[in-house]
Amino acid sequence: MAAPPPPGSLPPPLTGAAAARLSPNEQPNPEYRRLHQAYADAYGGIDRLRQALDAPVKTLRGTDAWLGPEARQWGGRLDANRETLKKAADRILWDIYDRLSATRRTVPRV
């Protein structure tokens, strides 16, 4: 699963002059603004999560300190967990993206 499109590919929240041009019956949706910000924050920091197990993998593969079947088995689990973590990071982004994409930028004025 690939990462979803960047936050800039989605319409930004309505603010300032754009919000002022709305009909009198509409107002910017605060939930859309909150989700858009959450998506931008998550998208900007998700690489840290994706790469969290890169250093242990590099250490394990880059040294002869631990060899043998146990090391290979543990390394295999580490690789599997690393892939699971990367998929989870993408799933987090997709969940926010899907929710944001389904949220209207405006709501009726009450």
C-alpha atoms as a PDB file:
ATOM      1  CA  MET A   1       0.000   0.000   0.000  1.00  0.00           C
ATOM      2  CA  ALA A   2       1.397   3.343  -1.012  1.00  0.00           C
ATOM      3  CA  ALA A   3       0.981   6.533   0.942  1.00  0.00           C
ATOM      4  CA  PRO A   4      -1.974   8.723   0.003  1.00  0.00           C
ATOM      5  CA  PRO A   5      -1.540  12.041  -1.821  1.00  0.00           C
ATOM      6  CA  PRO A   6       0.076  14.939   0.057  1.00  0.00           C
ATOM      7  CA  PRO A   7      -2.100  17.389   1.983  1.00  0.00           C
ATOM      8  CA  GLY A   8      -1.600  20.056  -0.706  1.00  0.00           C
ATOM      9  CA  SER A   9      -3.543  17.902  -3.166  1.00  0.00           C
ATOM     10  CA  LEU A  10      -6.729  18.477  -1.142  1.00  0.00           C
ATOM     11  CA  PRO A  11      -8.621  21.759  -1.011  1.00  0.00           C
ATOM     12  CA  PRO A  12      -7.455  23.825   1.965  1.00  0.00           C
ATOM     13  CA  PRO A  13      -9.862  24.859   4.711  1.00  0.00           C
ATOM     14  CA  LEU A  14     -11.848  27.984   3.914  1.00  0.00           C
ATOM     15  CA  THR A  15     -10.458  31.025   5.700  1.00  0.00           C
ATOM     16  CA  GLY A  16     -10.211  34.766   5.201  1.00  0.00           C
ATOM     17  CA  ALA A  17     -11.492  36.072   1.865  1.00  0.00           C
ATOM     18  CA  ALA A  18     -12.577  32.612   0.674  1.00  0.00           C
ATOM     19  CA  ALA A  19     -14.734  32.172   3.773  1.00  0.00           C
ATOM     20  CA  ALA A  20     -16.147  35.671   3.346  1.00  0.00           C
ATOM     21  CA  ARG A  21     -17.364  34.768  -0.171  1.00  0.00           C
ATOM     22  CA  LEU A  22     -19.560  31.939   1.120  1.00  0.00           C
ATOM     23  CA  SER A  23     -23.303  32.301   0.905  1.00  0.00           C
ATOM     24  CA  PRO A  24     -24.995  33.653   4.033  1.00  0.00           C
ATOM     25  CA  ASN A  25     -26.331  30.151   4.683  1.00  0.00           C
ATOM     26  CA  GLU A  26     -22.879  28.519   4.834  1.00  0.00           C
ATOM     27  CA  GLN A  27     -19.846  28.687   7.060  1.00  0.00           C
ATOM     28  CA  PRO A  28     -16.457  26.942   7.055  1.00  0.00           C
ATOM     29  CA  ASN A  29     -16.598  23.493   8.588  1.00  0.00           C
ATOM     30  CA  PRO A  30     -14.352  23.440  11.695  1.00  0.00           C
ATOM     31  CA  GLU A  31     -14.154  19.632  11.454  1.00  0.00           C
ATOM     32  CA  TYR A  32     -12.670  19.926   7.958  1.00  0.00           C
ATOM     33  CA  ARG A  33     -10.082  22.398   9.232  1.00  0.00           C
ATOM     34  CA  ARG A  34      -9.195  20.106  12.142  1.00  0.00           C
ATOM     35  CA  LEU A  35      -8.874  17.041   9.893  1.00  0.00           C
ATOM     36  CA  HIS A  36      -6.846  18.950   7.298  1.00  0.00           C
ATOM     37  CA  GLN A  37      -4.416  20.090   9.992  1.00  0.00           C
ATOM     38  CA  ALA A  38      -4.228  16.586  11.479  1.00  0.00           C
ATOM     39  CA  TYR A  39      -3.517  15.161   8.031  1.00  0.00           C
ATOM     40  CA  ALA A  40      -0.784  17.728   7.343  1.00  0.00           C
ATOM     41  CA  ASP A  41       0.800  17.049  10.749  1.00  0.00           C
ATOM     42  CA  ALA A  42       0.647  13.272  10.331  1.00  0.00           C
ATOM     43  CA  TYR A  43       1.910  13.415   6.751  1.00  0.00           C
ATOM     44  CA  GLY A  44       4.828  15.597   7.794  1.00  0.00           C
ATOM     45  CA  GLY A  45       5.928  13.313  10.623  1.00  0.00           C
ATOM     46  CA  ILE A  46       5.018   9.858   9.353  1.00  0.00           C
ATOM     47  CA  ASP A  47       8.500   9.142   7.997  1.00  0.00           C
ATOM     48  CA  ARG A  48       9.830   9.035  11.551  1.00  0.00           C
ATOM     49  CA  LEU A  49       7.368   6.238  12.278  1.00  0.00           C
ATOM     50  CA  ARG A  50       8.143   4.412   9.015  1.00  0.00           C
ATOM     51  CA  GLN A  51      11.868   4.539   9.767  1.00  0.00           C
ATOM     52  CA  ALA A  52      11.683   3.683  13.474  1.00  0.00           C
ATOM     53  CA  LEU A  53      13.122   0.188  12.986  1.00  0.00           C
ATOM     54  CA  ASP A  54      15.679   1.070  10.300  1.00  0.00           C
ATOM     55  CA  ALA A  55      18.514   1.641  12.798  1.00  0.00           C
ATOM     56  CA  PRO A  56      18.117  -1.750  14.544  1.00  0.00           C
ATOM     57  CA  VAL A  57      18.012  -3.493  11.156  1.00  0.00           C
ATOM     58  CA  LYS A  58      21.146  -1.662  10.044  1.00  0.00           C
ATOM     59  CA  THR A  59      22.900  -2.537  13.306  1.00  0.00           C
ATOM     60  CA  LEU A  60      21.940  -6.202  13.076  1.00  0.00           C
ATOM     61  CA  ARG A  61      23.085  -6.503   9.471  1.00  0.00           C
ATOM     62  CA  GLY A  62      26.177  -4.353   9.891  1.00  0.00           C
ATOM     63  CA  THR A  63      27.911  -6.283  12.644  1.00  0.00           C
ATOM     64  CA  ASP A  64      29.147  -9.775  13.343  1.00  0.00           C
ATOM     65  CA  ALA A  65      28.302  -9.460  17.021  1.00  0.00           C
ATOM     66  CA  TRP A  66      25.382 -11.888  16.754  1.00  0.00           C
ATOM     67  CA  LEU A  67      25.460 -14.732  14.264  1.00  0.00           C
ATOM     68  CA  GLY A  68      23.692 -18.021  13.914  1.00  0.00           C
ATOM     69  CA  PRO A  69      20.163 -19.354  13.560  1.00  0.00           C
ATOM     70  CA  GLU A  70      18.777 -17.345  16.490  1.00  0.00           C
ATOM     71  CA  ALA A  71      20.152 -14.133  15.006  1.00  0.00           C
ATOM     72  CA  ARG A  72      18.654 -14.926  11.606  1.00  0.00           C
ATOM     73  CA  GLN A  73      15.310 -15.803  13.193  1.00  0.00           C
ATOM     74  CA  TRP A  74      15.275 -12.626  15.272  1.00  0.00           C
ATOM     75  CA  GLY A  75      16.347 -10.617  12.210  1.00  0.00           C
ATOM     76  CA  GLY A  76      13.485 -12.128  10.231  1.00  0.00           C
ATOM     77  CA  ARG A  77      10.990 -11.086  12.893  1.00  0.00           C
ATOM     78  CA  LEU A  78      12.543  -7.615  12.969  1.00  0.00           C
ATOM     79  CA  ASP A  79      12.134  -7.319   9.186  1.00  0.00           C
ATOM     80  CA  ALA A  80       8.519  -8.488   9.416  1.00  0.00           C
ATOM     81  CA  ASN A  81       7.770  -6.012  12.195  1.00  0.00           C
ATOM     82  CA  ARG A  82       9.434  -3.257  10.205  1.00  0.00           C
ATOM     83  CA  GLU A  83       7.132  -3.955   7.252  1.00  0.00           C
ATOM     84  CA  THR A  84       4.106  -4.103   9.567  1.00  0.00           C
ATOM     85  CA  LEU A  85       5.073  -0.719  11.006  1.00  0.00           C
ATOM     86  CA  LYS A  86       5.400   0.813   7.535  1.00  0.00           C
ATOM     87  CA  LYS A  87       1.978  -0.539   6.539  1.00  0.00           C
ATOM     88  CA  ALA A  88       0.473   0.790   9.778  1.00  0.00           C
ATOM     89  CA  ALA A  89       1.946   4.233   9.075  1.00  0.00           C
ATOM     90  CA  ASP A  90       0.332   4.255   5.637  1.00  0.00           C
ATOM     91  CA  ARG A  91      -2.953   3.010   7.120  1.00  0.00           C
ATOM     92  CA  ILE A  92      -2.949   5.923   9.577  1.00  0.00           C
ATOM     93  CA  LEU A  93      -2.548   8.381   6.713  1.00  0.00           C
ATOM     94  CA  TRP A  94      -5.214   6.666   4.598  1.00  0.00           C
ATOM     95  CA  ASP A  95      -7.677   6.690   7.495  1.00  0.00           C
ATOM     96  CA  ILE A  96      -7.260  10.433   7.993  1.00  0.00           C
ATOM     97  CA  TYR A  97      -7.265  11.069   4.225  1.00  0.00           C
ATOM     98  CA  ASP A  98     -10.462   9.061   3.729  1.00  0.00           C
ATOM     99  CA  ARG A  99     -12.200  10.880   6.553  1.00  0.00           C
ATOM    100  CA  LEU A 100     -11.008  14.261   5.294  1.00  0.00           C
ATOM    101  CA  SER A 101     -12.072  13.468   1.720  1.00  0.00           C
ATOM    102  CA  ALA A 102     -15.565  12.572   2.954  1.00  0.00           C
ATOM    103  CA  THR A 103     -15.908  15.762   5.026  1.00  0.00           C
ATOM    104  CA  ARG A 104     -17.530  18.848   3.546  1.00  0.00           C
ATOM    105  CA  ARG A 105     -15.557  22.094   3.623  1.00  0.00           C
ATOM    106  CA  THR A 106     -18.699  24.011   4.576  1.00  0.00           C
ATOM    107  CA  VAL A 107     -21.640  23.430   6.875  1.00  0.00           C
ATOM    108  CA  PRO A 108     -24.968  25.213   7.099  1.00  0.00           C
ATOM    109  CA  ARG A 109     -24.908  28.359   9.210  1.00  0.00           C
ATOM    110  CA  VAL A 110     -27.042  27.986  12.291  1.00  0.00           C
END
